[in-house]
Structures are given as structure tokens and as C-alpha cells.
């Protein structure tokens, strides 16, 4: 079982807190340098994960 951790980036720490509690595999799409390859991998992971979670916080500034 695997969960995709989508949602707010912008130095938000919600993923760090959640990852420490997870007992299943996860994909964290946040990377230092966003590239076309990163976007393609994010799409692959989002399509293959059993669960897709999006957390939106006040730090959210946009979407794609």
C-alpha cells in the first residue's frame, strides 16, 4: 500500500509530521529542483499509488 503526498509546498512541514506517523510506503513529490522529469515521475506516482492525499494549508500560493 502506498500514499501520494500532494498539496502545499512552500516550506510547509505537514509532510514531515505525517511521514513520521505513516506505517505504509509514500511518495513525497517535493524536490529541491523541479524539472520536467520530476513532473513526469509525480504523475506516474499519483496514478499508481493506492491513496492520493492533498493537504492545502494557508502557505499554498498556486497550483499546476
N, C-alpha and C. Protein backbone atom coordinates (compact mmCIF):
# COMPACT_ATOMS: atom_id res chain seq x y z
N UNK A 1 0.84 -1.16 0.00
CA UNK A 1 0.00 0.00 0.00
C UNK A 1 0.90 1.24 0.00
N UNK A 2 0.47 2.26 -0.77
CA UNK A 2 1.29 3.46 -0.90
C UNK A 2 0.39 4.69 -1.03
N UNK A 3 0.83 5.81 -0.42
CA UNK A 3 0.07 7.05 -0.47
C UNK A 3 0.91 8.15 -1.14
N UNK A 4 0.26 8.91 -2.00
CA UNK A 4 0.86 10.06 -2.66
C UNK A 4 0.59 11.28 -1.80
N UNK A 5 1.64 12.04 -1.47
CA UNK A 5 1.52 13.19 -0.57
C UNK A 5 1.54 14.50 -1.35
N UNK A 6 0.41 14.85 -1.94
CA UNK A 6 0.30 16.08 -2.71
C UNK A 6 -0.15 17.24 -1.84
N UNK A 7 -0.11 18.43 -2.40
CA UNK A 7 -0.62 19.59 -1.68
C UNK A 7 0.42 20.68 -1.48
N UNK A 8 0.21 21.47 -0.45
CA UNK A 8 1.03 22.65 -0.18
C UNK A 8 2.51 22.32 -0.06
N UNK A 9 3.32 23.12 -0.76
CA UNK A 9 4.79 23.04 -0.64
C UNK A 9 5.22 24.28 0.15
N UNK A 10 5.97 25.18 -0.49
CA UNK A 10 6.35 26.46 0.12
C UNK A 10 6.86 26.34 1.55
N UNK A 11 7.75 25.41 1.77
CA UNK A 11 8.37 25.19 3.08
C UNK A 11 7.38 24.79 4.17
N UNK A 12 6.23 24.30 3.76
CA UNK A 12 5.26 23.76 4.72
C UNK A 12 5.81 22.45 5.27
N UNK A 13 5.58 22.19 6.55
CA UNK A 13 6.16 21.00 7.19
C UNK A 13 5.15 19.89 7.45
N UNK A 14 3.95 20.00 6.88
CA UNK A 14 2.93 18.99 7.16
C UNK A 14 3.39 17.60 6.74
N UNK A 15 4.14 17.49 5.63
CA UNK A 15 4.59 16.17 5.17
C UNK A 15 5.53 15.52 6.19
N UNK A 16 6.44 16.30 6.74
CA UNK A 16 7.39 15.76 7.72
C UNK A 16 6.66 15.16 8.91
N UNK A 17 5.67 15.87 9.40
CA UNK A 17 4.90 15.38 10.55
C UNK A 17 4.14 14.11 10.20
N UNK A 18 3.52 14.09 9.02
CA UNK A 18 2.74 12.92 8.61
C UNK A 18 3.64 11.72 8.34
N UNK A 19 4.74 11.92 7.63
CA UNK A 19 5.65 10.82 7.29
C UNK A 19 6.11 10.08 8.55
N UNK A 20 6.36 10.82 9.62
CA UNK A 20 6.81 10.17 10.85
C UNK A 20 5.75 9.25 11.45
N UNK A 21 4.49 9.43 11.06
CA UNK A 21 3.39 8.61 11.58
C UNK A 21 2.98 7.47 10.65
N UNK A 22 3.37 7.55 9.39
CA UNK A 22 2.93 6.56 8.41
C UNK A 22 3.53 5.19 8.66
N UNK A 23 2.73 4.19 8.43
CA UNK A 23 3.19 2.81 8.53
C UNK A 23 3.07 2.12 7.17
N UNK A 24 2.92 2.92 6.11
CA UNK A 24 2.87 2.41 4.74
C UNK A 24 3.86 3.21 3.90
N UNK A 25 4.14 2.74 2.69
CA UNK A 25 5.02 3.46 1.77
C UNK A 25 4.35 4.76 1.35
N UNK A 26 5.16 5.71 0.90
CA UNK A 26 4.63 7.00 0.47
C UNK A 26 5.51 7.56 -0.63
N UNK A 27 4.96 8.51 -1.39
CA UNK A 27 5.73 9.27 -2.36
C UNK A 27 5.58 10.73 -2.01
N UNK A 28 6.71 11.37 -1.76
CA UNK A 28 6.76 12.80 -1.46
C UNK A 28 7.25 13.51 -2.72
N UNK A 29 6.40 14.27 -3.41
CA UNK A 29 6.80 14.89 -4.66
C UNK A 29 7.67 16.14 -4.51
N UNK A 30 7.92 16.58 -3.30
CA UNK A 30 8.71 17.80 -3.09
C UNK A 30 10.18 17.51 -3.33
N UNK A 31 10.78 18.28 -4.25
CA UNK A 31 12.20 18.15 -4.57
C UNK A 31 12.83 19.54 -4.58
N UNK A 32 14.13 19.58 -4.44
CA UNK A 32 14.87 20.85 -4.42
C UNK A 32 14.77 21.58 -5.76
N UNK A 33 14.95 20.84 -6.86
CA UNK A 33 14.98 21.43 -8.20
C UNK A 33 13.92 20.76 -9.07
N UNK A 34 12.81 21.43 -9.32
CA UNK A 34 11.68 20.89 -10.08
C UNK A 34 12.02 20.88 -11.57
N UNK A 35 11.93 19.71 -12.19
CA UNK A 35 12.23 19.55 -13.61
C UNK A 35 11.08 18.85 -14.31
N UNK A 36 11.15 18.76 -15.62
CA UNK A 36 10.15 18.02 -16.40
C UNK A 36 10.12 16.55 -15.96
N UNK A 37 11.30 16.00 -15.66
CA UNK A 37 11.37 14.61 -15.21
C UNK A 37 10.67 14.43 -13.86
N UNK A 38 10.82 15.40 -12.98
CA UNK A 38 10.13 15.35 -11.68
C UNK A 38 8.63 15.38 -11.88
N UNK A 39 8.17 16.21 -12.80
CA UNK A 39 6.74 16.29 -13.07
C UNK A 39 6.22 14.96 -13.61
N UNK A 40 6.96 14.35 -14.53
CA UNK A 40 6.56 13.06 -15.09
C UNK A 40 6.52 11.98 -14.01
N UNK A 41 7.50 11.98 -13.12
CA UNK A 41 7.52 10.99 -12.03
C UNK A 41 6.36 11.23 -11.07
N UNK A 42 6.06 12.48 -10.80
CA UNK A 42 4.92 12.79 -9.93
C UNK A 42 3.62 12.23 -10.53
N UNK A 43 3.44 12.41 -11.81
CA UNK A 43 2.23 11.90 -12.47
C UNK A 43 2.19 10.38 -12.40
N UNK A 44 3.32 9.72 -12.66
CA UNK A 44 3.38 8.24 -12.58
C UNK A 44 3.03 7.77 -11.17
N UNK A 45 3.61 8.40 -10.19
CA UNK A 45 3.36 8.01 -8.81
C UNK A 45 1.90 8.25 -8.41
N UNK A 46 1.38 9.40 -8.80
CA UNK A 46 -0.01 9.73 -8.46
C UNK A 46 -0.98 8.71 -9.06
N UNK A 47 -0.69 8.25 -10.27
CA UNK A 47 -1.55 7.27 -10.93
C UNK A 47 -1.40 5.87 -10.34
N UNK A 48 -0.26 5.56 -9.75
CA UNK A 48 -0.03 4.19 -9.26
C UNK A 48 -0.24 4.02 -7.75
N UNK A 49 -0.26 5.10 -7.00
CA UNK A 49 -0.46 4.98 -5.55
C UNK A 49 -1.88 4.53 -5.23
N UNK A 50 -2.01 3.81 -4.12
CA UNK A 50 -3.32 3.35 -3.67
C UNK A 50 -4.18 4.49 -3.14
N UNK A 51 -3.53 5.47 -2.53
CA UNK A 51 -4.23 6.63 -1.97
C UNK A 51 -3.55 7.90 -2.47
N UNK A 52 -4.35 8.93 -2.72
CA UNK A 52 -3.83 10.23 -3.13
C UNK A 52 -4.34 11.25 -2.12
N UNK A 53 -3.42 11.87 -1.39
CA UNK A 53 -3.76 12.83 -0.35
C UNK A 53 -3.27 14.21 -0.77
N UNK A 54 -4.15 15.19 -0.69
CA UNK A 54 -3.78 16.59 -0.93
C UNK A 54 -4.11 17.38 0.32
N UNK A 55 -3.10 17.99 0.92
CA UNK A 55 -3.29 18.85 2.09
C UNK A 55 -3.04 20.29 1.64
N UNK A 56 -4.04 21.14 1.84
CA UNK A 56 -3.93 22.55 1.49
C UNK A 56 -3.85 23.36 2.77
N UNK A 57 -2.80 24.16 2.88
CA UNK A 57 -2.61 24.99 4.07
C UNK A 57 -2.59 26.46 3.65
N UNK A 58 -2.57 27.39 4.59
CA UNK A 58 -2.50 28.82 4.25
C UNK A 58 -1.23 29.19 3.47
N UNK A 59 -0.21 28.33 3.45
CA UNK A 59 1.01 28.62 2.69
C UNK A 59 0.85 28.36 1.20
N UNK A 60 -0.25 27.75 0.78
CA UNK A 60 -0.49 27.43 -0.64
C UNK A 60 -0.56 28.72 -1.45
N UNK A 61 0.24 28.79 -2.54
CA UNK A 61 0.25 30.00 -3.36
C UNK A 61 -0.19 29.77 -4.80
N UNK A 62 -0.32 28.53 -5.22
CA UNK A 62 -0.72 28.27 -6.60
C UNK A 62 -0.83 26.79 -6.85
N UNK A 63 -1.16 26.45 -8.07
CA UNK A 63 -1.27 25.04 -8.44
C UNK A 63 -0.89 24.90 -9.91
N UNK A 64 -0.74 23.64 -10.34
CA UNK A 64 -0.48 23.42 -11.76
C UNK A 64 -1.45 22.41 -12.28
